[in-house]
Each structure stands twice: as C-alpha cells, then as structure tokens.
Protein backbone atom coordinates (compact mmCIF):
# COMPACT_ATOMS: atom_id res chain seq x y z
CA MET A 1 -14.75 62.94 -10.28
CA THR A 2 -15.00 60.93 -7.06
CA ARG A 3 -13.20 58.48 -5.14
CA ALA A 4 -15.02 55.45 -6.54
CA LEU A 5 -15.31 56.63 -9.73
CA ALA A 6 -11.80 57.08 -10.45
CA LEU A 7 -10.75 53.93 -9.22
CA ALA A 8 -13.01 51.96 -11.37
CA ALA A 9 -11.50 54.02 -14.33
CA ALA A 10 -8.20 53.19 -13.27
CA ILE A 11 -8.66 49.36 -12.96
CA VAL A 12 -11.15 49.63 -16.79
CA ALA A 13 -7.46 51.37 -18.09
CA SER A 14 -5.26 48.86 -16.60
CA ALA A 15 -7.38 45.60 -18.20
CA PHE A 16 -7.03 47.65 -21.34
CA VAL A 17 -3.24 47.94 -20.67
CA ASN A 18 -3.00 44.15 -19.84
CA ALA A 19 -4.89 43.25 -22.78
CA ALA A 20 -2.73 45.11 -25.09
CA GLU A 21 0.60 43.37 -23.68
CA PRO A 22 1.81 40.45 -25.71
CA TYR A 23 1.60 37.00 -24.47
CA PRO A 24 3.00 35.86 -21.70
CA ALA A 25 3.10 39.00 -19.49
CA LYS A 26 3.24 37.14 -16.02
CA VAL A 27 4.24 33.98 -14.30
CA ILE A 28 2.47 30.93 -16.32
CA ARG A 29 1.36 27.93 -13.86
CA VAL A 30 1.80 24.63 -14.84
CA ILE A 31 -0.41 22.04 -12.82
CA VAL A 32 0.74 18.65 -12.59
CA PRO A 33 -1.41 16.18 -11.33
CA TYR A 34 0.52 13.55 -9.82
CA SER A 35 2.48 13.89 -6.41
CA PRO A 36 5.89 15.57 -6.21
CA GLY A 37 8.68 13.34 -6.68
CA GLY A 38 6.94 11.31 -8.99
CA THR A 39 7.93 10.52 -12.77
CA GLY A 40 5.16 13.03 -13.85
CA ASP A 41 5.95 15.55 -11.30
CA ASN A 42 9.61 15.25 -13.15
CA ILE A 43 8.67 15.68 -16.97
CA GLY A 44 6.74 18.83 -15.41
CA ARG A 45 9.13 20.67 -13.69
CA ALA A 46 11.98 20.02 -16.23
CA VAL A 47 9.76 20.94 -19.55
CA GLY A 48 8.35 24.00 -17.28
CA ALA A 49 11.70 25.23 -16.69
CA LYS A 50 12.56 25.46 -20.36
CA LEU A 51 9.34 26.71 -21.40
CA GLY A 52 9.91 29.91 -18.28
CA GLU A 53 13.49 30.23 -20.21
CA LEU A 54 12.09 30.62 -23.57
CA LEU A 55 8.94 32.41 -22.71
CA GLY A 56 10.96 35.00 -21.02
CA GLN A 57 8.07 34.52 -18.34
CA GLN A 58 8.26 32.36 -14.47
CA VAL A 59 6.67 29.07 -15.09
CA ILE A 60 5.49 27.53 -11.49
CA ILE A 61 4.70 24.05 -10.63
CA ASP A 62 1.22 23.40 -9.24
CA ASN A 63 0.62 19.49 -7.98
CA ARG A 64 -2.41 18.74 -7.69
CA PRO A 65 -2.54 14.78 -7.72
CA GLY A 66 -5.84 12.64 -7.00
CA ALA A 67 -8.42 10.77 -8.53
CA GLY A 68 -6.27 9.41 -11.15
CA GLY A 69 -5.22 12.97 -12.58
CA ASN A 70 -8.84 14.30 -12.55
CA ILE A 71 -8.34 16.47 -9.93
CA GLY A 72 -5.48 18.77 -11.50
CA ALA A 73 -6.87 18.38 -14.72
CA GLU A 74 -10.55 20.05 -13.56
CA ALA A 75 -8.46 22.70 -12.13
CA ALA A 76 -7.30 23.74 -15.25
CA VAL A 77 -10.54 23.28 -17.11
CA ARG A 78 -11.82 25.41 -14.37
CA ALA A 79 -9.13 28.22 -14.55
CA ALA A 80 -9.29 31.28 -16.87
CA PRO A 81 -8.41 30.42 -20.46
CA ASP A 82 -5.57 33.01 -20.86
CA GLY A 83 -2.79 30.79 -21.85
CA TYR A 84 -1.56 31.21 -17.60
CA THR A 85 -3.01 27.77 -16.86
CA VAL A 86 -1.98 24.80 -18.45
CA VAL A 87 -1.82 21.36 -17.17
CA MET A 88 0.80 18.47 -18.30
CA ALA A 89 -1.34 15.34 -18.26
CA ALA A 90 -0.71 11.65 -18.78
CA THR A 91 -2.14 8.68 -20.73
CA SER A 92 -5.20 8.68 -17.60
CA LEU A 93 -6.65 11.78 -19.07
CA ALA A 94 -7.25 9.18 -22.38
CA SER A 95 -8.86 6.90 -20.04
CA ASN A 96 -10.81 8.54 -17.41
CA PRO A 97 -13.96 9.05 -19.72
CA ALA A 98 -14.56 5.20 -20.06
CA LEU A 99 -12.82 4.46 -16.05
CA GLN A 100 -15.05 7.14 -14.37
CA ARG A 101 -18.99 6.49 -13.83
CA LYS A 102 -19.22 10.53 -12.88
CA MET A 103 -16.37 12.62 -15.08
CA PRO A 104 -16.84 16.53 -13.55
CA PHE A 105 -15.37 17.34 -17.06
CA ASP A 106 -14.85 16.32 -20.63
CA PRO A 107 -11.53 16.11 -22.02
CA LEU A 108 -12.22 16.19 -25.36
CA LYS A 109 -14.73 19.20 -25.15
CA ASP A 110 -13.54 21.18 -21.96
CA LEU A 111 -9.80 20.86 -22.72
CA VAL A 112 -7.59 21.90 -25.83
CA PRO A 113 -4.60 19.58 -26.69
CA VAL A 114 -1.46 22.27 -27.06
CA SER A 115 1.90 19.88 -27.26
CA GLY A 116 2.81 15.95 -26.80
CA CYS A 117 6.09 16.62 -24.67
CA CYS A 118 7.18 12.87 -24.18
CA GLU A 119 6.66 8.66 -24.08
CA VAL A 120 7.74 6.60 -20.92
CA PRO A 121 8.49 2.83 -21.31
CA MET A 122 7.63 0.52 -19.10
CA ILE A 123 8.60 -2.37 -17.69
CA VAL A 124 7.21 -6.13 -16.68
CA VAL A 125 8.74 -6.80 -13.86
CA VAL A 126 8.12 -9.93 -11.01
CA HIS A 127 8.78 -10.59 -7.38
CA PRO A 128 12.22 -12.89 -7.42
CA SER A 129 10.13 -15.75 -5.90
CA LEU A 130 7.18 -15.95 -8.61
CA PRO A 131 9.11 -19.38 -11.12
CA VAL A 132 9.43 -17.36 -14.18
CA LYS A 133 11.63 -15.83 -16.29
CA ASN A 134 10.47 -14.32 -19.38
CA ILE A 135 7.00 -13.40 -20.50
CA LYS A 136 6.06 -17.16 -22.13
CA GLU A 137 6.50 -18.48 -18.84
CA PHE A 138 4.38 -15.83 -17.14
CA VAL A 139 1.77 -16.01 -19.45
CA ALA A 140 2.09 -20.19 -18.70
CA TYR A 141 2.15 -19.62 -14.99
CA ALA A 142 -0.78 -16.97 -14.74
CA LYS A 143 -2.95 -19.29 -17.16
CA ALA A 144 -2.09 -22.33 -14.82
CA TYR A 145 -2.93 -20.84 -11.44
CA PRO A 146 -5.64 -18.18 -12.59
CA GLY A 147 -6.36 -15.07 -10.26
CA LYS A 148 -3.54 -16.22 -7.83
CA LEU A 149 -1.27 -13.50 -9.24
CA THR A 150 -1.36 -9.94 -7.85
CA TYR A 151 -0.85 -6.79 -10.27
CA ALA A 152 0.10 -3.68 -8.96
CA SER A 153 -0.23 -0.26 -10.45
CA SER A 154 0.07 3.49 -9.01
CA GLY A 155 -4.11 4.12 -9.46
CA ILE A 156 -6.79 3.31 -11.15
CA GLY A 157 -6.44 4.70 -14.73
CA THR A 158 -2.78 5.13 -14.46
CA SER A 159 -0.51 4.32 -16.98
CA SER A 160 0.88 0.85 -14.55
CA HIS A 161 -2.89 0.09 -14.24
CA LEU A 162 -4.07 0.44 -18.34
CA ALA A 163 -0.32 -1.08 -19.38
CA ALA A 164 -1.49 -4.07 -17.54
CA GLU A 165 -5.17 -4.27 -18.48
CA LEU A 166 -4.08 -4.32 -21.84
CA PHE A 167 -1.70 -6.98 -21.51
CA ARG A 168 -4.37 -9.03 -19.66
CA VAL A 169 -6.58 -7.88 -22.44
CA GLN A 170 -4.33 -9.64 -25.53
CA THR A 171 -3.21 -12.45 -23.25
CA GLY A 172 -6.60 -13.68 -21.84
CA VAL A 173 -4.64 -14.50 -18.33
CA ASP A 174 -6.87 -13.57 -15.15
CA MET A 175 -4.72 -11.63 -12.71
CA LEU A 176 -6.13 -9.61 -9.60
CA HIS A 177 -5.84 -5.56 -9.72
CA ALA A 178 -4.23 -4.04 -6.19
CA PRO A 179 -4.23 -0.24 -7.08
CA TYR A 180 -2.05 2.28 -4.85
CA LYS A 181 -1.85 5.96 -4.94
CA THR A 182 1.28 6.18 -6.28
CA ASP A 183 4.48 3.81 -7.16
CA ALA A 184 6.36 4.45 -4.31
CA LEU A 185 3.31 3.35 -2.02
CA ALA A 186 3.06 0.56 -4.59
CA MET A 187 7.13 -0.63 -3.59
CA PRO A 188 7.33 -2.04 -0.57
CA ASP A 189 4.69 -4.37 -1.54
CA LEU A 190 5.91 -5.67 -4.34
CA LEU A 191 9.84 -5.90 -3.00
CA SER A 192 8.28 -8.10 -0.12
CA GLY A 193 6.29 -10.50 -2.75
CA GLU A 194 2.87 -8.95 -1.07
CA VAL A 195 2.03 -8.48 -5.01
CA GLN A 196 4.04 -10.17 -7.38
CA VAL A 197 3.59 -8.37 -10.71
CA MET A 198 3.71 -4.32 -11.74
CA PHE A 199 3.77 -2.40 -15.34
CA MET A 200 6.32 0.44 -13.57
CA PHE A 201 7.76 3.25 -15.62
CA GLN A 202 11.70 2.15 -15.87
CA THR A 203 13.16 4.66 -14.39
CA THR A 204 11.66 3.59 -11.33
CA ALA A 205 11.84 -0.04 -11.80
CA LEU A 206 15.42 -0.60 -13.20
CA PRO A 207 17.74 0.57 -9.97
CA GLN A 208 15.45 -1.74 -8.26
CA VAL A 209 16.20 -4.63 -11.30
CA ARG A 210 19.74 -3.64 -10.61
CA ALA A 211 19.81 -4.52 -7.16
CA GLY A 212 18.51 -7.83 -7.71
CA LYS A 213 15.31 -6.73 -5.83
CA LEU A 214 13.05 -7.54 -8.65
CA ARG A 215 12.91 -9.72 -12.17
CA ALA A 216 12.33 -7.27 -15.54
CA LEU A 217 10.66 -9.82 -17.99
CA ALA A 218 10.22 -7.04 -20.76
CA VAL A 219 9.68 -3.56 -22.03
CA SER A 220 6.34 -2.60 -23.20
CA THR A 221 7.31 -0.51 -25.81
CA ALA A 222 7.60 -1.42 -29.93
CA GLN A 223 11.29 -0.85 -29.88
CA ARG A 224 13.57 -2.05 -27.22
CA SER A 225 14.74 0.72 -24.46
CA PRO A 226 18.54 2.20 -25.00
CA LEU A 227 18.58 1.76 -20.84
CA ALA A 228 17.98 -1.58 -21.19
CA PRO A 229 18.65 -2.88 -24.23
CA GLU A 230 19.40 -6.39 -23.19
CA LEU A 231 15.46 -6.43 -22.33
CA PRO A 232 13.00 -7.63 -25.18
CA THR A 233 10.09 -5.95 -25.75
CA VAL A 234 6.45 -7.91 -25.09
CA ALA A 235 5.95 -8.42 -28.55
CA GLU A 236 8.91 -10.01 -29.18
CA ALA A 237 8.72 -12.19 -26.01
CA GLY A 238 5.27 -13.94 -26.84
CA VAL A 239 2.98 -11.18 -27.15
CA PRO A 240 2.27 -10.34 -31.03
CA GLY A 241 1.07 -6.31 -31.30
CA TYR A 242 1.29 -5.25 -27.54
CA GLU A 243 2.11 -2.30 -27.64
CA PHE A 244 2.45 0.32 -24.71
CA SER A 245 3.99 3.93 -24.01
CA GLY A 246 2.77 6.04 -21.21
CA TRP A 247 2.70 9.61 -21.79
CA PHE A 248 2.99 12.99 -21.38
CA GLY A 249 1.43 16.57 -22.74
CA ILE A 250 0.32 19.91 -22.42
CA PHE A 251 -3.10 21.03 -22.48
CA ALA A 252 -5.41 24.11 -21.82
CA PRO A 253 -8.61 25.20 -21.09
CA ALA A 254 -10.98 25.06 -24.09
CA ALA A 255 -11.44 28.48 -24.34
CA THR A 256 -7.90 29.61 -24.84
CA PRO A 257 -7.30 31.54 -27.79
CA THR A 258 -5.74 29.95 -30.85
CA GLU A 259 -2.72 32.10 -31.14
CA ILE A 260 -1.97 31.86 -27.21
CA VAL A 261 -2.42 28.14 -27.45
CA ASN A 262 0.19 28.48 -30.86
CA LYS A 263 3.12 30.41 -29.05
CA LEU A 264 2.83 27.74 -26.08
CA ALA A 265 2.91 24.85 -28.68
CA ALA A 266 5.66 26.59 -30.25
CA ALA A 267 7.68 27.00 -27.46
CA SER A 268 6.97 23.31 -26.54
CA VAL A 269 8.07 22.08 -29.45
CA LYS A 270 10.92 24.23 -28.96
CA ALA A 271 11.87 22.92 -25.76
CA VAL A 272 11.48 19.70 -26.31
CA GLN A 273 13.78 19.83 -29.41
CA SER A 274 16.79 21.41 -27.16
CA PRO A 275 19.95 19.26 -26.51
CA ASP A 276 20.23 19.87 -23.02
CA LEU A 277 16.10 18.91 -22.22
CA ARG A 278 16.40 16.08 -24.80
CA GLU A 279 19.41 14.95 -22.89
CA ARG A 280 18.25 15.21 -19.40
CA LEU A 281 14.77 13.66 -20.92
CA SER A 282 16.76 10.79 -22.10
CA GLN A 283 18.94 10.12 -19.13
CA GLN A 284 15.85 9.51 -17.06
CA GLY A 285 14.38 7.03 -19.37
CA PHE A 286 11.71 9.57 -21.11
CA ILE A 287 11.28 9.65 -25.16
CA PRO A 288 10.99 13.30 -26.20
CA VAL A 289 8.18 13.57 -28.52
CA ALA A 290 7.46 17.25 -30.12
CA SER A 291 4.26 17.60 -31.86
CA GLY A 292 2.13 20.72 -32.12
CA PRO A 293 -1.94 20.72 -31.40
CA GLU A 294 -3.24 19.47 -34.11
CA GLN A 295 -1.08 16.35 -34.47
CA PHE A 296 -1.24 16.08 -30.20
CA ALA A 297 -5.03 16.62 -31.04
CA ALA A 298 -5.30 14.03 -33.92
CA PHE A 299 -3.37 11.31 -31.14
CA PHE A 300 -5.45 12.25 -28.07
CA ARG A 301 -8.90 11.29 -29.74
CA ARG A 302 -7.25 8.29 -30.89
CA GLU A 303 -6.24 7.58 -27.21
CA VAL A 304 -9.69 8.12 -25.81
CA ALA A 305 -10.89 5.61 -28.85
CA LYS A 306 -8.30 3.00 -28.09
CA TRP A 307 -8.88 3.07 -23.98
CA ALA A 308 -12.62 2.90 -24.16
CA ARG A 309 -12.23 -0.26 -26.19
CA VAL A 310 -9.61 -1.79 -23.94
CA ILE A 311 -11.93 -0.94 -21.42
CA LYS A 312 -14.96 -2.42 -22.65
CA GLU A 313 -13.24 -5.81 -23.68
CA GLY A 314 -11.51 -5.77 -20.39
CA ASP A 315 -14.81 -5.92 -18.77
CA LEU A 316 -13.73 -2.72 -16.66
CA GLN A 317 -16.09 -1.45 -14.13
CA PRO A 318 -16.27 2.25 -14.27
CA GLN A 319 -15.48 3.47 -10.79
CA ASP A 320 -17.68 6.06 -8.84
C-alpha cells in the first residue's frame, strides 16, 4: 500500500471512529451575536459554562456582534450541523425577517430551536430633566409635543428598539428613534439628555436610576420585577395590555440530528433549572426559562408572527 493510500485509509478509519463516538466528543462553540460584556454575552457565558459542566466538554464563547444579531446567527446557519456550533440568539432573531430587506437566511427554516434560557425585563427610563414622573404623564407629554422626544436603542431590531416600538404602536405617541450599536454607546447621550428616553435592560438601568442619573417610570413585563418591586408595570401604569420581555435561547443549524438537539436541550433545561445558575441569573435580573425544543419552537413562531404584525402596524421601513 502506497503512503497516499495508507493516509487515505487512516482518514476514513478516523472518520468512522469519530462517527461512532458519543456526542459530545469535542469542544462546543456557542456563538454570541453581541459584544463582550453586554447582557447577551453575560447570559451566553453563564449558560455555556454550566452546559460544559453537564456535558463533560469544554464550551467556548465566540462573540460575533453586528446587524442586530444576524452576523452571529448566520455564522451558526453556515456551520456544520453536528451539534458543535450553536448560537445564543435573542428577540431580534424573530423581528429581523420583517425589519431587514435582505435577510441572509430564514430563521424559521435555517435554524432549529433547541431551548429557551431566560427572559429579561426592561425598564422605561427618562432623563431627569423631562417633566414626567409616570407613564401617564409621559404619554400625555409625548402627545402634546409630537416628534420632540427621541428614544435611544442599542440597534435596529434589538430588544430596546422593539419594546419602544410596541409602546409607540399601543399608545400612538410620536417619538424619534436614535439607534446605537450597544447600550453602553447610548448611555452617555442618555445621561446628558441628548436623547431623553430608553427602554433598557433592568440590570443596566437600575444602577443609573439609583444614582439619580435617570428616572425610572415602569417595568415592561406583565409582573413587577423582584429587583425593583416599587416600579409599576407599564400596563398597571396606564397602557393596558402592554407586555414585553427580551428573551434569549439556543438555536442550532437546521440539519442538526434530532438526537443531538434533544441532548443539548436536556442539558440546557437542566442547566437553567440548577439552583446555582438560577440564583446567578436572578441576581443579574434575568428570569430563568427552561423550555425544550417543541415548546421553544412554538414560542419562536409566535414571536416571528407578532413582530411582523407590530412592525407593519408601526409602519417601520425595512433596512438594507
């Protein structure tokens, strides 16, 4: 046997051995389509570390920020469907099909939902110079001065953008949108009063509120937040039916074998249900949510339909 034939035989044999190895047999990559240090990155690292512990393999985080999460999600779509690359996606994955004119992939067809991980309440914050103390006063002021207020977001299609647009559609207020790339980049302009309003993750908002630099009006979720129980919900404060939670969950490439998806999902649910991770997430203001593939897939389909409707009603123009 020539050296070339021997090498080819070794490669084929190695492939058969690897195929027979139980999953997982090597490092798992979790793509986080957000910048290091942000909310999505914190969740990805916390869940990824616990997954690695439960699966008995190293889990590495691969930050791929940009395009409202599309860059990272597309990297997962293009990855081998073998369970060794997944993406920790968020609410923007459901809204981007209606917000982006040229989607590079179809989230409903090209990704398979593995497991929901957590929800994140948002707080409506305003600059202290704004003469409003609650949601009713805010709506009245915005309607009295249409187009005067500018709200910041961490980017088109992100949770802060969607929460504000849902509010705008349900109240009929006219506000201008100032998209930034991250919460951190929006913060200086918000603190200076250059922009006056933001729907912000509570973990980012509360330190500024408690320092007196921002004023909190309400929390976006259906229930009050344990981290700020004194704040009413937006619905309680004057906008019946309003409810918004940012969410994060794990997706895999669409052709990933069902047995691998199920194994990843079982580990993810166990991770989120573990007392230490639940406590860690709760302390950071996240609401742990453990849902398997079928439940998470049904939720994701509802989210895609919901945001397509809100974006149409809000007359938001698709972005190039």
